Amino acid sequence: MDLSHLRYTNSDGDRLVAAVPTWGPFPDTKPVLDQLGKHCKLVIISNAEDDMIAQNVRNMDVEFYDVITAEQAALTNPLHRFSIMPCAGWIAIEATSCM
């Protein structure tokens, strides 16, 4: 924000974080995921915390096989890489099956 010379307060960030769970998916998301779900297991691997992603998943109204968050993987430090390889073991699939 400093680079853009925009005024910003901590309460602005708090309001943004509080708004995230109210956002729904893009209009074309649900139909595509519903079709994909007929042919494969849908898994979300997210850098979000559990409480932040839960309402977003409900807003999508799509059946997911699993939701794996950075919080569950204990990868809350932004310097860590969230690798799909360990996640594959959590959902009992081969890493080569992940897209």
Protein backbone atom coordinates (compact mmCIF):
# COMPACT_ATOMS: atom_id res chain seq x y z
CA MET A 1 0.00 0.00 0.00
CA ASP A 2 2.90 2.32 0.72
CA LEU A 3 4.16 1.94 -2.85
CA SER A 4 0.73 2.91 -4.17
CA HIS A 5 0.41 5.80 -1.72
CA LEU A 6 -2.93 4.44 -0.53
CA ARG A 7 -4.05 4.98 3.02
CA TYR A 8 -4.30 1.74 4.93
CA THR A 9 -5.02 0.86 8.55
CA ASN A 10 -4.98 -2.45 10.41
CA SER A 11 -8.78 -2.31 10.56
CA ASP A 12 -8.83 -2.31 6.73
CA GLY A 13 -6.97 -5.62 6.78
CA ASP A 14 -9.25 -6.99 9.48
CA ARG A 15 -12.32 -6.14 7.39
CA LEU A 16 -10.82 -7.79 4.32
CA VAL A 17 -10.01 -10.99 6.22
CA ALA A 18 -13.52 -11.02 7.73
CA ALA A 19 -15.06 -10.63 4.25
CA VAL A 20 -13.27 -13.59 2.66
CA PRO A 21 -15.70 -16.25 4.01
CA THR A 22 -18.63 -14.34 2.51
CA TRP A 23 -17.29 -14.59 -1.03
CA GLY A 24 -18.82 -17.19 -3.27
CA PRO A 25 -17.17 -18.93 -6.19
CA PHE A 26 -17.07 -17.53 -9.68
CA PRO A 27 -20.30 -18.45 -11.50
CA ASP A 28 -18.66 -21.09 -13.70
CA THR A 29 -16.84 -22.84 -10.83
CA LYS A 30 -19.58 -25.09 -9.42
CA PRO A 31 -20.75 -26.59 -12.75
CA VAL A 32 -17.17 -27.40 -13.74
CA LEU A 33 -16.32 -28.95 -10.38
CA ASP A 34 -19.57 -30.93 -10.38
CA GLN A 35 -18.61 -32.41 -13.77
CA LEU A 36 -15.04 -33.14 -12.68
CA GLY A 37 -16.35 -34.73 -9.49
CA LYS A 38 -18.14 -37.36 -11.59
CA HIS A 39 -14.76 -38.59 -12.84
CA CYS A 40 -12.26 -37.94 -10.05
CA LYS A 41 -11.90 -37.14 -6.38
CA LEU A 42 -11.83 -33.41 -5.76
CA VAL A 43 -9.36 -32.17 -3.17
CA ILE A 44 -8.58 -28.62 -2.12
CA ILE A 45 -5.00 -27.92 -1.10
CA SER A 46 -5.02 -24.41 0.28
CA ASN A 47 -2.64 -22.03 1.95
CA ALA A 48 -5.56 -20.84 4.08
CA GLU A 49 -6.24 -21.57 7.72
CA ASP A 50 -8.98 -24.06 8.59
CA ASP A 51 -11.51 -21.50 9.81
CA MET A 52 -11.01 -19.30 6.76
CA ILE A 53 -11.51 -22.05 4.18
CA ALA A 54 -14.47 -23.81 5.83
CA GLN A 55 -17.11 -21.24 4.86
CA ASN A 56 -15.66 -20.87 1.36
CA VAL A 57 -16.04 -24.62 0.85
CA ARG A 58 -19.66 -24.44 2.06
CA ASN A 59 -20.28 -21.50 -0.31
CA MET A 60 -19.15 -23.64 -3.25
CA ASP A 61 -21.73 -26.34 -2.52
CA VAL A 62 -19.49 -28.96 -4.14
CA GLU A 63 -18.61 -32.36 -2.71
CA PHE A 64 -14.90 -32.54 -1.95
CA TYR A 65 -13.07 -35.73 -1.05
CA ASP A 66 -10.79 -33.75 1.25
CA VAL A 67 -9.65 -30.25 2.13
CA ILE A 68 -6.03 -29.85 3.21
CA THR A 69 -4.86 -26.53 4.58
CA ALA A 70 -1.51 -25.04 5.40
CA GLU A 71 -2.65 -25.01 9.02
CA GLN A 72 -3.16 -28.80 8.98
CA ALA A 73 0.25 -29.24 7.41
CA ALA A 74 1.77 -26.92 10.04
CA LEU A 75 3.10 -24.74 7.23
CA THR A 76 2.07 -21.32 8.41
CA ASN A 77 5.46 -19.73 7.81
CA PRO A 78 5.40 -18.01 4.39
CA LEU A 79 8.98 -19.12 3.76
CA HIS A 80 7.94 -22.80 3.64
CA ARG A 81 6.79 -24.35 0.42
CA PHE A 82 3.43 -26.16 0.50
CA SER A 83 4.34 -29.26 -1.47
CA ILE A 84 1.72 -31.53 -2.98
CA MET A 85 3.89 -34.59 -2.33
CA PRO A 86 3.18 -34.98 1.42
CA CYS A 87 -0.46 -34.12 0.81
CA ALA A 88 -0.82 -37.06 -1.54
CA GLY A 89 -0.09 -39.41 1.36
CA TRP A 90 -2.78 -37.79 3.52
CA ILE A 91 -5.49 -38.53 1.00
CA ALA A 92 -4.23 -42.00 0.07
CA ILE A 93 -3.42 -41.32 -3.58
CA GLU A 94 -0.28 -41.47 -5.64
CA ALA A 95 1.47 -38.14 -6.03
CA THR A 96 1.54 -38.75 -9.78
CA SER A 97 -2.27 -38.66 -9.73
CA CYS A 98 -2.31 -35.04 -8.55
CA MET A 99 -2.88 -32.20 -10.97
